[in-house]
Protein backbone atom coordinates (compact mmCIF):
# COMPACT_ATOMS: atom_id res chain seq x y z
CA MET A 1 97.54 84.28 77.21
CA PRO A 2 97.49 84.89 81.05
CA GLN A 3 94.01 84.68 82.76
CA PRO A 4 93.44 86.83 85.83
CA GLY A 5 92.99 84.64 88.98
CA ASN A 6 95.05 81.58 87.73
CA GLY A 7 98.54 82.72 89.00
CA ASP A 8 99.74 83.97 85.56
CA ASP A 9 98.95 87.42 85.95
CA SER A 10 101.73 89.20 87.66
CA ARG A 11 99.84 92.60 87.42
CA ALA A 12 96.75 90.68 89.37
CA MET A 13 99.57 90.05 92.34
CA THR A 14 100.79 93.31 92.45
CA ARG A 15 99.12 96.22 94.49
CA ASP A 16 100.04 100.06 94.83
CA ARG A 17 99.84 100.37 98.62
CA TYR A 18 101.96 98.95 101.26
CA ALA A 19 102.28 99.54 105.14
CA ALA A 20 105.60 100.64 105.61
CA LEU A 21 108.20 102.11 108.05
CA TRP A 22 111.00 104.70 106.28
CA TRP A 23 113.98 106.51 107.51
CA GLU A 24 115.59 109.50 105.99
CA ASN A 25 118.45 111.83 107.14
CA GLY A 26 119.10 109.92 110.18
CA SER A 27 115.69 110.67 111.62
CA ALA A 28 113.36 108.37 113.87
CA PRO A 29 111.53 105.92 111.50
CA LEU A 30 108.07 106.92 110.17
CA ALA A 31 105.36 104.42 110.16
CA GLY A 32 102.47 104.79 107.75
CA LEU A 33 101.49 104.06 104.21
CA LEU A 34 103.65 104.01 100.86
CA GLN A 35 101.99 104.22 97.75
CA VAL A 36 103.59 103.29 94.05
CA GLY A 37 101.72 105.94 91.73
CA PRO A 38 102.33 106.26 88.09
CA THR A 39 105.18 108.76 88.11
CA ALA A 40 106.04 108.86 92.01
CA LEU A 41 106.15 107.16 95.28
CA ARG A 42 104.05 108.99 98.25
CA PHE A 43 104.74 108.35 101.69
CA GLU A 44 102.16 109.20 104.49
CA GLY A 45 103.10 108.69 108.13
CA ARG A 46 104.14 109.90 111.39
CA SER A 47 106.74 108.92 114.19
CA THR A 48 106.43 109.97 117.88
CA ASP A 49 107.27 113.56 117.24
CA ARG A 50 106.29 114.41 114.03
CA GLN A 51 103.95 113.68 111.07
CA ALA A 52 104.94 113.63 107.30
CA LEU A 53 103.60 113.64 103.58
CA ARG A 54 106.33 113.23 100.93
CA ARG A 55 106.33 112.47 97.29
CA ILE A 56 109.35 111.16 95.17
CA GLY A 57 109.28 111.22 91.57
CA PHE A 58 111.02 108.26 89.88
CA ASP A 59 113.02 110.53 88.05
CA GLU A 60 114.54 111.43 91.18
CA ILE A 61 115.64 107.98 91.99
CA ARG A 62 119.58 107.36 91.07
CA SER A 63 119.14 103.95 92.34
CA LEU A 64 117.68 101.37 94.49
CA HIS A 65 118.64 97.83 96.13
CA LEU A 66 117.59 95.61 98.73
CA ALA A 67 119.98 95.78 101.54
CA ARG A 68 120.15 92.50 103.67
CA GLY A 69 123.47 92.68 105.14
CA ALA A 70 123.83 93.32 109.20
CA ARG A 71 125.61 96.67 108.57
CA GLU A 72 122.85 97.73 106.07
CA ARG A 73 119.50 96.55 108.27
CA VAL A 74 117.78 98.99 110.17
CA LEU A 75 116.41 97.76 113.50
CA GLY A 76 117.19 94.40 112.35
CA ARG A 77 115.32 94.42 109.36
CA PRO A 78 116.05 94.19 105.70
CA VAL A 79 115.34 97.34 103.61
CA ILE A 80 115.04 98.80 100.35
CA VAL A 81 117.64 101.55 99.95
CA LEU A 82 116.65 104.60 97.71
CA ASP A 83 119.54 106.96 96.47
CA ILE A 84 117.90 110.26 95.59
CA GLY A 85 121.31 111.82 95.52
CA ARG A 86 121.19 113.45 98.82
CA ARG A 87 123.39 112.91 101.86
CA ASP A 88 121.44 110.19 103.39
CA ALA A 89 119.50 107.31 101.54
CA ILE A 90 115.86 106.68 102.07
CA ARG A 91 115.60 103.08 103.76
CA ILE A 92 112.07 101.48 103.57
CA ALA A 93 110.79 98.22 105.20
CA THR A 94 107.41 96.47 105.17
CA PRO A 95 106.26 94.58 108.01
CA GLU A 96 104.19 92.29 106.04
CA PRO A 97 106.05 88.81 104.98
CA GLY A 98 107.05 89.31 101.34
CA ALA A 99 105.82 92.85 100.90
CA LEU A 100 109.27 93.97 100.79
CA HIS A 101 110.17 91.92 97.90
CA GLU A 102 106.96 92.86 96.02
CA LEU A 103 107.49 96.45 96.88
CA LEU A 104 111.18 96.19 95.36
CA ASP A 105 109.65 94.52 92.02
CA ALA A 106 107.25 97.26 91.71
CA LEU A 107 109.64 99.87 92.19
CA THR A 108 112.06 98.55 89.72
CA ARG A 109 109.11 98.22 87.18
CA ALA A 110 108.12 101.92 87.87
CA ALA A 111 111.62 103.57 88.04
CA SER A 112 112.83 101.85 85.07
CA PRO A 113 112.59 104.15 81.96
């Protein structure tokens, strides 16, 4: 049985809040906080010209993937791409090393039925 703190407990290694940059609908990037909740993602942030608070239910996410290719990156950063059925997908980057993969794992688990 895994014991907390000994490296075997993956839940102890996962957090629910991340510093993040995100882009949607071709707008300027927003910087702020992304929270992975029990049923939805919550974005809260701002850019130079606007402030935003956004909630996306996991049932709204059609697909997600990690975009590493040069054509898919944003500002040179690899991103997580969320397809929510609109014209432009939401792209998410994290400034912390390793956080993007951790976030991808958390989203994959949360969005799976």
